[in-house]
Amino acid sequence: MSQNDISTTSCCNYEDQHVHEIIGSTFIAERCEDAHNHRFAVISGAAVPCKGSHVHNVTFSTDSYDGHHHEFSGQSSVAIPICDGKHVHYANACTSANDGHSHEFKFASLINSPIED
């Protein structure tokens, strides 16, 4: 995913304005030197119309390990329908490089509006 052409325009008339909870762990880095990973938990940005669907801007800092952490700022995939009008979003990307390395991660957001019918 690229940050090129990320829209920061609000979805003023988007009738299903919402955010998603996102939790995850990075893949292990420095397997031979100092094997470790990081965790993250965040609320996405509001829905941004895209390709007949929508995406969410996602920005987070990971937890700290051995005095360093990592950051990410990018976009989710478009909505992926699951059931009963609900959907999730996906991302496969890398964190910022800190302490001489970065981490790959993947996430699927939690569903939108989990308690609404």
PDB file of N, CA and C in Angstrom:
ATOM      1  N   MET A   1       0.830  -1.175   0.000  1.00  0.00           N
ATOM      2  CA  MET A   1       0.000   0.000   0.000  1.00  0.00           C
ATOM      3  C   MET A   1       0.875   1.238   0.000  1.00  0.00           C
ATOM      4  N   SER A   2       0.443   2.210  -0.729  1.00  0.00           N
ATOM      5  CA  SER A   2       1.211   3.434  -0.846  1.00  0.00           C
ATOM      6  C   SER A   2       0.415   4.590  -0.288  1.00  0.00           C
ATOM      7  N   GLN A   3       1.129   5.593   0.185  1.00  0.00           N
ATOM      8  CA  GLN A   3       0.435   6.775   0.666  1.00  0.00           C
ATOM      9  C   GLN A   3       0.169   7.752  -0.469  1.00  0.00           C
ATOM     10  N   ASN A   4       0.568   7.411  -1.700  1.00  0.00           N
ATOM     11  CA  ASN A   4       0.298   8.285  -2.827  1.00  0.00           C
ATOM     12  C   ASN A   4      -1.210   8.448  -2.993  1.00  0.00           C
ATOM     13  N   ASP A   5      -1.618   9.644  -3.238  1.00  0.00           N
ATOM     14  CA  ASP A   5      -3.021   9.955  -3.501  1.00  0.00           C
ATOM     15  C   ASP A   5      -3.954   9.643  -2.347  1.00  0.00           C
ATOM     16  N   ILE A   6      -3.469   9.625  -1.115  1.00  0.00           N
ATOM     17  CA  ILE A   6      -4.353   9.437   0.029  1.00  0.00           C
ATOM     18  C   ILE A   6      -5.217  10.678   0.176  1.00  0.00           C
ATOM     19  N   SER A   7      -6.505  10.471   0.202  1.00  0.00           N
ATOM     20  CA  SER A   7      -7.427  11.586   0.378  1.00  0.00           C
ATOM     21  C   SER A   7      -7.613  11.856   1.855  1.00  0.00           C
ATOM     22  N   THR A   8      -7.536  13.099   2.227  1.00  0.00           N
ATOM     23  CA  THR A   8      -7.811  13.454   3.618  1.00  0.00           C
ATOM     24  C   THR A   8      -9.138  14.201   3.710  1.00  0.00           C
ATOM     25  N   THR A   9      -9.892  14.199   2.619  1.00  0.00           N
ATOM     26  CA  THR A   9     -11.184  14.860   2.596  1.00  0.00           C
ATOM     27  C   THR A   9     -12.185  14.089   3.447  1.00  0.00           C
ATOM     28  N   SER A  10     -12.924  14.778   4.239  1.00  0.00           N
ATOM     29  CA  SER A  10     -13.944  14.158   5.074  1.00  0.00           C
ATOM     30  C   SER A  10     -15.078  13.632   4.212  1.00  0.00           C
ATOM     31  N   CYS A  11     -15.718  12.572   4.655  1.00  0.00           N
ATOM     32  CA  CYS A  11     -16.875  12.008   3.950  1.00  0.00           C
ATOM     33  C   CYS A  11     -18.137  12.683   4.448  1.00  0.00           C
ATOM     34  N   CYS A  12     -18.268  13.952   4.194  1.00  0.00           N
ATOM     35  CA  CYS A  12     -19.363  14.724   4.793  1.00  0.00           C
ATOM     36  C   CYS A  12     -20.730  14.100   4.575  1.00  0.00           C
ATOM     37  N   ASN A  13     -20.990  13.559   3.386  1.00  0.00           N
ATOM     38  CA  ASN A  13     -22.296  13.004   3.088  1.00  0.00           C
ATOM     39  C   ASN A  13     -22.302  11.486   3.111  1.00  0.00           C
ATOM     40  N   TYR A  14     -21.244  10.875   3.558  1.00  0.00           N
ATOM     41  CA  TYR A  14     -21.186   9.419   3.601  1.00  0.00           C
ATOM     42  C   TYR A  14     -22.102   8.940   4.723  1.00  0.00           C
ATOM     43  N   GLU A  15     -23.170   8.236   4.359  1.00  0.00           N
ATOM     44  CA  GLU A  15     -24.195   7.908   5.343  1.00  0.00           C
ATOM     45  C   GLU A  15     -23.779   6.832   6.340  1.00  0.00           C
ATOM     46  N   ASP A  16     -22.702   6.136   6.084  1.00  0.00           N
ATOM     47  CA  ASP A  16     -22.253   5.096   7.005  1.00  0.00           C
ATOM     48  C   ASP A  16     -20.885   5.460   7.571  1.00  0.00           C
ATOM     49  N   GLN A  17     -20.766   6.687   8.064  1.00  0.00           N
ATOM     50  CA  GLN A  17     -19.474   7.118   8.620  1.00  0.00           C
ATOM     51  C   GLN A  17     -19.146   6.273   9.846  1.00  0.00           C
ATOM     52  N   HIS A  18     -17.921   5.774   9.906  1.00  0.00           N
ATOM     53  CA  HIS A  18     -17.550   4.865  10.980  1.00  0.00           C
ATOM     54  C   HIS A  18     -16.035   4.736  11.051  1.00  0.00           C
ATOM     55  N   VAL A  19     -15.574   4.082  12.095  1.00  0.00           N
ATOM     56  CA  VAL A  19     -14.160   3.752  12.267  1.00  0.00           C
ATOM     57  C   VAL A  19     -14.075   2.262  12.607  1.00  0.00           C
ATOM     58  N   HIS A  20     -12.867   1.731  12.652  1.00  0.00           N
ATOM     59  CA  HIS A  20     -12.647   0.327  13.005  1.00  0.00           C
ATOM     60  C   HIS A  20     -11.581   0.218  14.082  1.00  0.00           C
ATOM     61  N   GLU A  21     -11.733  -0.772  14.929  1.00  0.00           N
ATOM     62  CA  GLU A  21     -10.674  -1.125  15.864  1.00  0.00           C
ATOM     63  C   GLU A  21      -9.678  -2.015  15.119  1.00  0.00           C
ATOM     64  N   ILE A  22      -8.400  -1.802  15.405  1.00  0.00           N
ATOM     65  CA  ILE A  22      -7.349  -2.599  14.767  1.00  0.00           C
ATOM     66  C   ILE A  22      -6.361  -3.012  15.849  1.00  0.00           C
ATOM     67  N   ILE A  23      -6.101  -4.293  15.943  1.00  0.00           N
ATOM     68  CA  ILE A  23      -5.093  -4.794  16.868  1.00  0.00           C
ATOM     69  C   ILE A  23      -4.206  -5.771  16.104  1.00  0.00           C
ATOM     70  N   GLY A  24      -2.941  -5.849  16.482  1.00  0.00           N
ATOM     71  CA  GLY A  24      -2.075  -6.782  15.783  1.00  0.00           C
ATOM     72  C   GLY A  24      -0.688  -6.848  16.367  1.00  0.00           C
ATOM     73  N   SER A  25       0.091  -7.723  15.780  1.00  0.00           N
ATOM     74  CA  SER A  25       1.494  -7.902  16.130  1.00  0.00           C
ATOM     75  C   SER A  25       2.309  -7.894  14.850  1.00  0.00           C
ATOM     76  N   THR A  26       3.506  -7.370  14.942  1.00  0.00           N
ATOM     77  CA  THR A  26       4.409  -7.403  13.796  1.00  0.00           C
ATOM     78  C   THR A  26       5.038  -8.786  13.699  1.00  0.00           C
ATOM     79  N   PHE A  27       5.624  -9.071  12.538  1.00  0.00           N
ATOM     80  CA  PHE A  27       6.399 -10.292  12.389  1.00  0.00           C
ATOM     81  C   PHE A  27       7.728 -10.126  13.122  1.00  0.00           C
ATOM     82  N   ILE A  28       8.349 -11.204  13.470  1.00  0.00           N
ATOM     83  CA  ILE A  28       9.621 -11.171  14.191  1.00  0.00           C
ATOM     84  C   ILE A  28      10.726 -10.638  13.288  1.00  0.00           C
ATOM     85  N   ALA A  29      11.552  -9.760  13.832  1.00  0.00           N
ATOM     86  CA  ALA A  29      12.728  -9.224  13.130  1.00  0.00           C
ATOM     87  C   ALA A  29      13.974  -9.617  13.915  1.00  0.00           C
ATOM     88  N   GLU A  30      15.112  -9.452  13.303  1.00  0.00           N
ATOM     89  CA  GLU A  30      16.411  -9.745  13.915  1.00  0.00           C
ATOM     90  C   GLU A  30      16.462 -11.149  14.504  1.00  0.00           C
ATOM     91  N   ARG A  31      16.038 -12.129  13.725  1.00  0.00           N
ATOM     92  CA  ARG A  31      15.959 -13.511  14.202  1.00  0.00           C
ATOM     93  C   ARG A  31      17.287 -14.030  14.751  1.00  0.00           C
ATOM     94  N   CYS A  32      18.394 -13.644  14.161  1.00  0.00           N
ATOM     95  CA  CYS A  32      19.694 -14.163  14.594  1.00  0.00           C
ATOM     96  C   CYS A  32      20.346 -13.322  15.688  1.00  0.00           C
ATOM     97  N   GLU A  33      20.031 -12.034  15.749  1.00  0.00           N
ATOM     98  CA  GLU A  33      20.688 -11.144  16.712  1.00  0.00           C
ATOM     99  C   GLU A  33      19.880 -10.942  17.992  1.00  0.00           C
ATOM    100  N   ASP A  34      18.648 -10.510  17.830  1.00  0.00           N
ATOM    101  CA  ASP A  34      17.809 -10.145  18.975  1.00  0.00           C
ATOM    102  C   ASP A  34      16.346 -10.317  18.573  1.00  0.00           C
ATOM    103  N   ALA A  35      15.933 -11.539  18.344  1.00  0.00           N
ATOM    104  CA  ALA A  35      14.591 -11.825  17.824  1.00  0.00           C
ATOM    105  C   ALA A  35      13.511 -11.187  18.702  1.00  0.00           C
ATOM    106  N   HIS A  36      12.625 -10.426  18.043  1.00  0.00           N
ATOM    107  CA  HIS A  36      11.527  -9.791  18.776  1.00  0.00           C
ATOM    108  C   HIS A  36      10.456  -9.318  17.806  1.00  0.00           C
ATOM    109  N   ASN A  37       9.299  -9.017  18.354  1.00  0.00           N
ATOM    110  CA  ASN A  37       8.237  -8.381  17.589  1.00  0.00           C
ATOM    111  C   ASN A  37       7.617  -7.291  18.457  1.00  0.00           C
ATOM    112  N   HIS A  38       6.616  -6.622  17.922  1.00  0.00           N
ATOM    113  CA  HIS A  38       5.930  -5.538  18.627  1.00  0.00           C
ATOM    114  C   HIS A  38       4.430  -5.719  18.457  1.00  0.00           C
ATOM    115  N   ARG A  39       3.662  -5.078  19.332  1.00  0.00           N
ATOM    116  CA  ARG A  39       2.203  -5.098  19.241  1.00  0.00           C
ATOM    117  C   ARG A  39       1.677  -3.688  19.015  1.00  0.00           C
ATOM    118  N   PHE A  40       0.455  -3.619  18.472  1.00  0.00           N
ATOM    119  CA  PHE A  40      -0.187  -2.321  18.259  1.00  0.00           C
ATOM    120  C   PHE A  40      -1.694  -2.462  18.412  1.00  0.00           C
ATOM    121  N   ALA A  41      -2.335  -1.376  18.841  1.00  0.00           N
ATOM    122  CA  ALA A  41      -3.788  -1.295  18.966  1.00  0.00           C
ATOM    123  C   ALA A  41      -4.176   0.140  18.632  1.00  0.00           C
ATOM    124  N   VAL A  42      -5.155   0.318  17.749  1.00  0.00           N
ATOM    125  CA  VAL A  42      -5.484   1.652  17.259  1.00  0.00           C
ATOM    126  C   VAL A  42      -6.930   1.692  16.770  1.00  0.00           C
ATOM    127  N   ILE A  43      -7.475   2.879  16.707  1.00  0.00           N
ATOM    128  CA  ILE A  43      -8.753   3.125  16.040  1.00  0.00           C
ATOM    129  C   ILE A  43      -8.432   3.793  14.713  1.00  0.00           C
ATOM    130  N   SER A  44      -8.990   3.288  13.637  1.00  0.00           N
ATOM    131  CA  SER A  44      -8.726   3.861  12.312  1.00  0.00           C
ATOM    132  C   SER A  44      -9.294   5.271  12.207  1.00  0.00           C
ATOM    133  N   GLY A  45      -8.911   5.956  11.151  1.00  0.00           N
ATOM    134  CA  GLY A  45      -9.540   7.224  10.814  1.00  0.00           C
ATOM    135  C   GLY A  45     -10.922   6.960  10.227  1.00  0.00           C
ATOM    136  N   ALA A  46     -11.662   8.021   9.997  1.00  0.00           N
ATOM    137  CA  ALA A  46     -13.005   7.920   9.405  1.00  0.00           C
ATOM    138  C   ALA A  46     -12.927   7.375   7.980  1.00  0.00           C
ATOM    139  N   ALA A  47     -14.047   6.868   7.484  1.00  0.00           N
ATOM    140  CA  ALA A  47     -14.121   6.320   6.138  1.00  0.00           C
ATOM    141  C   ALA A  47     -13.830   7.397   5.092  1.00  0.00           C
ATOM    142  N   VAL A  48     -13.029   7.021   4.095  1.00  0.00           N
ATOM    143  CA  VAL A  48     -12.689   7.910   2.982  1.00  0.00           C
ATOM    144  C   VAL A  48     -13.125   7.207   1.694  1.00  0.00           C
ATOM    145  N   PRO A  49     -14.046   7.795   0.909  1.00  0.00           N
ATOM    146  CA  PRO A  49     -14.511   7.148  -0.316  1.00  0.00           C
ATOM    147  C   PRO A  49     -13.344   6.793  -1.236  1.00  0.00           C
ATOM    148  N   CYS A  50     -13.418   5.598  -1.836  1.00  0.00           N
ATOM    149  CA  CYS A  50     -12.356   5.131  -2.721  1.00  0.00           C
ATOM    150  C   CYS A  50     -12.875   3.989  -3.592  1.00  0.00           C
ATOM    151  N   LYS A  51     -12.756   4.123  -4.893  1.00  0.00           N
ATOM    152  CA  LYS A  51     -13.047   3.037  -5.850  1.00  0.00           C
ATOM    153  C   LYS A  51     -14.423   2.409  -5.634  1.00  0.00           C
ATOM    154  N   GLY A  52     -15.439   3.228  -5.409  1.00  0.00           N
ATOM    155  CA  GLY A  52     -16.790   2.715  -5.204  1.00  0.00           C
ATOM    156  C   GLY A  52     -17.004   2.094  -3.838  1.00  0.00           C
ATOM    157  N   SER A  53     -16.037   2.190  -2.975  1.00  0.00           N
ATOM    158  CA  SER A  53     -16.104   1.645  -1.617  1.00  0.00           C
ATOM    159  C   SER A  53     -15.538   2.705  -0.686  1.00  0.00           C
ATOM    160  N   HIS A  54     -14.685   2.310   0.240  1.00  0.00           N
ATOM    161  CA  HIS A  54     -14.002   3.258   1.108  1.00  0.00           C
ATOM    162  C   HIS A  54     -12.779   2.599   1.728  1.00  0.00           C
ATOM    163  N   VAL A  55     -11.867   3.417   2.210  1.00  0.00           N
ATOM    164  CA  VAL A  55     -10.676   2.976   2.934  1.00  0.00           C
ATOM    165  C   VAL A  55     -10.619   3.758   4.239  1.00  0.00           C
ATOM    166  N   HIS A  56      -9.642   3.419   5.073  1.00  0.00           N
ATOM    167  CA  HIS A  56      -9.422   4.154   6.320  1.00  0.00           C
ATOM    168  C   HIS A  56      -7.938   4.480   6.441  1.00  0.00           C
ATOM    169  N   ASN A  57      -7.632   5.688   6.857  1.00  0.00           N
ATOM    170  CA  ASN A  57      -6.251   6.029   7.183  1.00  0.00           C
ATOM    171  C   ASN A  57      -5.933   5.370   8.523  1.00  0.00           C
ATOM    172  N   VAL A  58      -4.730   4.826   8.624  1.00  0.00           N
ATOM    173  CA  VAL A  58      -4.310   4.113   9.829  1.00  0.00           C
ATOM    174  C   VAL A  58      -2.937   4.632  10.233  1.00  0.00           C
ATOM    175  N   THR A  59      -2.810   5.087  11.471  1.00  0.00           N
ATOM    176  CA  THR A  59      -1.539   5.580  12.005  1.00  0.00           C
ATOM    177  C   THR A  59      -1.358   5.010  13.400  1.00  0.00           C
ATOM    178  N   PHE A  60      -0.176   4.443  13.655  1.00  0.00           N
ATOM    179  CA  PHE A  60       0.074   3.918  14.998  1.00  0.00           C
ATOM    180  C   PHE A  60       1.558   3.882  15.323  1.00  0.00           C
ATOM    181  N   SER A  61       1.834   3.786  16.611  1.00  0.00           N
ATOM    182  CA  SER A  61       3.158   3.480  17.142  1.00  0.00           C
ATOM    183  C   SER A  61       3.036   2.130  17.837  1.00  0.00           C
ATOM    184  N   THR A  62       4.040   1.290  17.688  1.00  0.00           N
ATOM    185  CA  THR A  62       4.024  -0.010  18.351  1.00  0.00           C
ATOM    186  C   THR A  62       4.402   0.141  19.814  1.00  0.00           C
ATOM    187  N   ASP A  63       4.284  -0.939  20.558  1.00  0.00           N
ATOM    188  CA  ASP A  63       4.822  -0.957  21.915  1.00  0.00           C
ATOM    189  C   ASP A  63       6.350  -0.935  21.818  1.00  0.00           C
ATOM    190  N   SER A  64       6.994  -0.768  22.942  1.00  0.00           N
ATOM    191  CA  SER A  64       8.453  -0.630  22.982  1.00  0.00           C
ATOM    192  C   SER A  64       9.111  -1.965  23.331  1.00  0.00           C
ATOM    193  N   TYR A  65      10.262  -2.209  22.717  1.00  0.00           N
ATOM    194  CA  TYR A  65      11.068  -3.379  23.044  1.00  0.00           C
ATOM    195  C   TYR A  65      12.527  -2.937  23.073  1.00  0.00           C
ATOM    196  N   ASP A  66      13.217  -3.220  24.126  1.00  0.00           N
ATOM    197  CA  ASP A  66      14.643  -2.920  24.252  1.00  0.00           C
ATOM    198  C   ASP A  66      14.954  -1.465  23.872  1.00  0.00           C
ATOM    199  N   GLY A  67      14.057  -0.559  24.295  1.00  0.00           N
ATOM    200  CA  GLY A  67      14.294   0.867  24.099  1.00  0.00           C
ATOM    201  C   GLY A  67      13.929   1.434  22.743  1.00  0.00           C
ATOM    202  N   HIS A  68      13.212   0.686  21.916  1.00  0.00           N
ATOM    203  CA  HIS A  68      12.798   1.262  20.632  1.00  0.00           C
ATOM    204  C   HIS A  68      11.360   0.831  20.298  1.00  0.00           C
ATOM    205  N   HIS A  69      10.753   1.595  19.406  1.00  0.00           N
ATOM    206  CA  HIS A  69       9.428   1.269  18.893  1.00  0.00           C
ATOM    207  C   HIS A  69       9.423   1.592  17.405  1.00  0.00           C
ATOM    208  N   HIS A  70       8.311   1.323  16.738  1.00  0.00           N
ATOM    209  CA  HIS A  70       8.174   1.584  15.306  1.00  0.00           C
ATOM    210  C   HIS A  70       6.862   2.310  15.057  1.00  0.00           C
ATOM    211  N   GLU A  71       6.775   2.970  13.907  1.00  0.00           N
ATOM    212  CA  GLU A  71       5.571   3.704  13.540  1.00  0.00           C
ATOM    213  C   GLU A  71       5.091   3.270  12.167  1.00  0.00           C
ATOM    214  N   PHE A  72       3.816   3.552  11.900  1.00  0.00           N
ATOM    215  CA  PHE A  72       3.224   3.286  10.586  1.00  0.00           C
ATOM    216  C   PHE A  72       2.181   4.345  10.305  1.00  0.00           C
ATOM    217  N   SER A  73       2.104   4.766   9.070  1.00  0.00           N
ATOM    218  CA  SER A  73       1.041   5.653   8.616  1.00  0.00           C
ATOM    219  C   SER A  73       0.730   5.297   7.169  1.00  0.00           C
ATOM    220  N   GLY A  74      -0.497   4.859   6.914  1.00  0.00           N
ATOM    221  CA  GLY A  74      -0.891   4.460   5.565  1.00  0.00           C
ATOM    222  C   GLY A  74      -2.385   4.250   5.508  1.00  0.00           C
ATOM    223  N   GLN A  75      -2.819   3.409   4.565  1.00  0.00           N
ATOM    224  CA  GLN A  75      -4.241   3.169   4.361  1.00  0.00           C
ATOM    225  C   GLN A  75      -4.564   1.692   4.391  1.00  0.00           C
ATOM    226  N   SER A  76      -5.800   1.393   4.763  1.00  0.00           N
ATOM    227  CA  SER A  76      -6.315   0.029   4.702  1.00  0.00           C
ATOM    228  C   SER A  76      -6.729  -0.286   3.272  1.00  0.00           C
ATOM    229  N   SER A  77      -7.095  -1.520   3.053  1.00  0.00           N
ATOM    230  CA  SER A  77      -7.714  -1.900   1.780  1.00  0.00           C
ATOM    231  C   SER A  77      -9.120  -1.303   1.726  1.00  0.00           C
ATOM    232  N   VAL A  78      -9.780  -1.465   0.593  1.00  0.00           N
ATOM    233  CA  VAL A  78     -11.197  -1.122   0.512  1.00  0.00           C
ATOM    234  C   VAL A  78     -11.966  -2.130   1.369  1.00  0.00           C
ATOM    235  N   ALA A  79     -13.226  -1.863   1.614  1.00  0.00           N
ATOM    236  CA  ALA A  79     -14.049  -2.726   2.460  1.00  0.00           C
ATOM    237  C   ALA A  79     -14.145  -4.135   1.875  1.00  0.00           C
ATOM    238  N   ILE A  80     -14.063  -5.127   2.760  1.00  0.00           N
ATOM    239  CA  ILE A  80     -14.216  -6.533   2.389  1.00  0.00           C
ATOM    240  C   ILE A  80     -15.486  -7.032   3.083  1.00  0.00           C
ATOM    241  N   PRO A  81     -16.577  -7.248   2.316  1.00  0.00           N
ATOM    242  CA  PRO A  81     -17.835  -7.690   2.926  1.00  0.00           C
ATOM    243  C   PRO A  81     -17.660  -9.040   3.622  1.00  0.00           C
ATOM    244  N   ILE A  82     -18.312  -9.204   4.787  1.00  0.00           N
ATOM    245  CA  ILE A  82     -18.241 -10.506   5.457  1.00  0.00           C
ATOM    246  C   ILE A  82     -19.627 -11.128   5.601  1.00  0.00           C
ATOM    247  N   CYS A  83     -20.560 -10.494   6.285  1.00  0.00           N
ATOM    248  CA  CYS A  83     -21.922 -11.026   6.381  1.00  0.00           C
ATOM    249  C   CYS A  83     -22.833  -9.956   6.960  1.00  0.00           C
ATOM    250  N   ASP A  84     -24.124 -10.097   6.702  1.00  0.00           N
ATOM    251  CA  ASP A  84     -25.132  -9.200   7.276  1.00  0.00           C
ATOM    252  C   ASP A  84     -24.795  -7.721   7.102  1.00  0.00           C
ATOM    253  N   GLY A  85     -24.211  -7.352   5.977  1.00  0.00           N
ATOM    254  CA  GLY A  85     -23.883  -5.955   5.716  1.00  0.00           C
ATOM    255  C   GLY A  85     -22.648  -5.460   6.444  1.00  0.00           C
ATOM    256  N   LYS A  86     -21.963  -6.324   7.149  1.00  0.00           N
ATOM    257  CA  LYS A  86     -20.744  -5.949   7.873  1.00  0.00           C
ATOM    258  C   LYS A  86     -19.536  -6.092   6.951  1.00  0.00           C
ATOM    259  N   HIS A  87     -18.437  -5.462   7.365  1.00  0.00           N
ATOM    260  CA  HIS A  87     -17.220  -5.563   6.568  1.00  0.00           C
ATOM    261  C   HIS A  87     -15.991  -5.374   7.439  1.00  0.00           C
ATOM    262  N   VAL A  88     -14.844  -5.730   6.881  1.00  0.00           N
ATOM    263  CA  VAL A  88     -13.547  -5.529   7.521  1.00  0.00           C
ATOM    264  C   VAL A  88     -12.622  -4.889   6.493  1.00  0.00           C
ATOM    265  N   HIS A  89     -11.418  -4.549   6.920  1.00  0.00           N
ATOM    266  CA  HIS A  89     -10.376  -4.019   6.037  1.00  0.00           C
ATOM    267  C   HIS A  89      -9.093  -4.776   6.313  1.00  0.00           C
ATOM    268  N   TYR A  90      -8.205  -4.790   5.320  1.00  0.00           N
ATOM    269  CA  TYR A  90      -6.963  -5.557   5.396  1.00  0.00           C
ATOM    270  C   TYR A  90      -5.787  -4.636   5.103  1.00  0.00           C
ATOM    271  N   ALA A  91      -4.633  -4.965   5.644  1.00  0.00           N
ATOM    272  CA  ALA A  91      -3.402  -4.262   5.281  1.00  0.00           C
ATOM    273  C   ALA A  91      -2.226  -5.222   5.404  1.00  0.00           C
ATOM    274  N   ASN A  92      -1.256  -5.052   4.534  1.00  0.00           N
ATOM    275  CA  ASN A  92       0.000  -5.802   4.547  1.00  0.00           C
ATOM    276  C   ASN A  92       1.070  -4.766   4.253  1.00  0.00           C
ATOM    277  N   ALA A  93       1.882  -4.405   5.248  1.00  0.00           N
ATOM    278  CA  ALA A  93       2.831  -3.302   5.070  1.00  0.00           C
ATOM    279  C   ALA A  93       4.021  -3.488   6.006  1.00  0.00           C
ATOM    280  N   CYS A  94       4.857  -2.455   6.086  1.00  0.00           N
ATOM    281  CA  CYS A  94       6.030  -2.471   6.976  1.00  0.00           C
ATOM    282  C   CYS A  94       6.020  -1.221   7.851  1.00  0.00           C
ATOM    283  N   THR A  95       6.589  -1.380   9.031  1.00  0.00           N
ATOM    284  CA  THR A  95       6.722  -0.256   9.957  1.00  0.00           C
ATOM    285  C   THR A  95       7.908   0.609   9.542  1.00  0.00           C
ATOM    286  N   SER A  96       8.082   1.702  10.240  1.00  0.00           N
ATOM    287  CA  SER A  96       9.279   2.535  10.080  1.00  0.00           C
ATOM    288  C   SER A  96      10.500   1.736  10.536  1.00  0.00           C
ATOM    289  N   ALA A  97      11.671   2.149  10.076  1.00  0.00           N
ATOM    290  CA  ALA A  97      12.925   1.512  10.504  1.00  0.00           C
ATOM    291  C   ALA A  97      13.450   2.238  11.733  1.00  0.00           C
ATOM    292  N   ASN A  98      13.673   1.489  12.799  1.00  0.00           N
ATOM    293  CA  ASN A  98      14.265   2.001  14.035  1.00  0.00           C
ATOM    294  C   ASN A  98      15.184   0.913  14.576  1.00  0.00           C
ATOM    295  N   ASP A  99      16.247   1.299  15.244  1.00  0.00           N
ATOM    296  CA  ASP A  99      17.197   0.344  15.810  1.00  0.00           C
ATOM    297  C   ASP A  99      17.756  -0.586  14.729  1.00  0.00           C
ATOM    298  N   GLY A 100      17.881  -0.069  13.505  1.00  0.00           N
ATOM    299  CA  GLY A 100      18.484  -0.816  12.402  1.00  0.00           C
ATOM    300  C   GLY A 100      17.596  -1.830  11.707  1.00  0.00           C
ATOM    301  N   HIS A 101      16.290  -1.777  11.935  1.00  0.00           N
ATOM    302  CA  HIS A 101      15.404  -2.735  11.282  1.00  0.00           C
ATOM    303  C   HIS A 101      13.968  -2.202  11.235  1.00  0.00           C
ATOM    304  N   SER A 102      13.154  -2.838  10.408  1.00  0.00           N
ATOM    305  CA  SER A 102      11.714  -2.578  10.369  1.00  0.00           C
ATOM    306  C   SER A 102      11.011  -3.925  10.536  1.00  0.00           C
ATOM    307  N   HIS A 103       9.694  -3.890  10.632  1.00  0.00           N
ATOM    308  CA  HIS A 103       8.901  -5.115  10.793  1.00  0.00           C
ATOM    309  C   HIS A 103       7.792  -5.132   9.767  1.00  0.00           C
ATOM    310  N   GLU A 104       7.559  -6.280   9.167  1.00  0.00           N
ATOM    311  CA  GLU A 104       6.385  -6.476   8.336  1.00  0.00           C
ATOM    312  C   GLU A 104       5.218  -6.789   9.272  1.00  0.00           C
ATOM    313  N   PHE A 105       4.010  -6.430   8.837  1.00  0.00           N
ATOM    314  CA  PHE A 105       2.813  -6.798   9.604  1.00  0.00           C
ATOM    315  C   PHE A 105       1.648  -6.954   8.648  1.00  0.00           C
ATOM    316  N   LYS A 106       0.656  -7.680   9.091  1.00  0.00           N
ATOM    317  CA  LYS A 106      -0.618  -7.828   8.387  1.00  0.00           C
ATOM    318  C   LYS A 106      -1.704  -7.664   9.433  1.00  0.00           C
ATOM    319  N   PHE A 107      -2.823  -7.070   9.028  1.00  0.00           N
ATOM    320  CA  PHE A 107      -3.966  -7.041   9.938  1.00  0.00           C
ATOM    321  C   PHE A 107      -5.259  -7.078   9.167  1.00  0.00           C
ATOM    322  N   ALA A 108      -6.277  -7.582   9.827  1.00  0.00           N
ATOM    323  CA  ALA A 108      -7.656  -7.444   9.384  1.00  0.00           C
ATOM    324  C   ALA A 108      -8.342  -6.678  10.509  1.00  0.00           C
ATOM    325  N   SER A 109      -8.994  -5.597  10.166  1.00  0.00           N
ATOM    326  CA  SER A 109      -9.673  -4.796  11.191  1.00  0.00           C
ATOM    327  C   SER A 109     -10.794  -5.607  11.827  1.00  0.00           C
ATOM    328  N   LEU A 110     -11.252  -5.161  12.970  1.00  0.00           N
ATOM    329  CA  LEU A 110     -12.458  -5.731  13.544  1.00  0.00           C
ATOM    330  C   LEU A 110     -13.641  -5.215  12.725  1.00  0.00           C
ATOM    331  N   ILE A 111     -14.795  -5.871  12.833  1.00  0.00           N
ATOM    332  CA  ILE A 111     -15.935  -5.493  12.010  1.00  0.00           C
ATOM    333  C   ILE A 111     -16.440  -4.094  12.352  1.00  0.00           C
ATOM    334  N   ASN A 112     -17.104  -3.497  11.390  1.00  0.00           N
ATOM    335  CA  ASN A 112     -17.739  -2.206  11.620  1.00  0.00           C
ATOM    336  C   ASN A 112     -19.010  -2.413  12.430  1.00  0.00           C
ATOM    337  N   SER A 113     -19.345  -1.453  13.263  1.00  0.00           N
ATOM    338  CA  SER A 113     -20.617  -1.444  14.025  1.00  0.00           C
ATOM    339  C   SER A 113     -20.975  -2.811  14.598  1.00  0.00           C
ATOM    340  N   PRO A 114     -20.144  -3.365  15.479  1.00  0.00           N
ATOM    341  CA  PRO A 114     -20.375  -4.743  15.935  1.00  0.00           C
ATOM    342  C   PRO A 114     -21.675  -4.995  16.674  1.00  0.00           C
ATOM    343  N   ILE A 115     -22.291  -3.984  17.284  1.00  0.00           N
ATOM    344  CA  ILE A 115     -23.529  -4.245  18.022  1.00  0.00           C
ATOM    345  C   ILE A 115     -24.788  -3.742  17.309  1.00  0.00           C
ATOM    346  N   GLU A 116     -24.620  -3.185  16.108  1.00  0.00           N
ATOM    347  CA  GLU A 116     -25.793  -2.742  15.357  1.00  0.00           C
ATOM    348  C   GLU A 116     -26.362  -3.890  14.559  1.00  0.00           C
ATOM    349  N   ASP A 117     -27.703  -3.919  14.400  1.00  0.00           N
ATOM    350  CA  ASP A 117     -28.362  -4.929  13.565  1.00  0.00           C
ATOM    351  C   ASP A 117     -28.232  -4.551  12.114  1.00  0.00           C
TER     352      ASP A 117
END
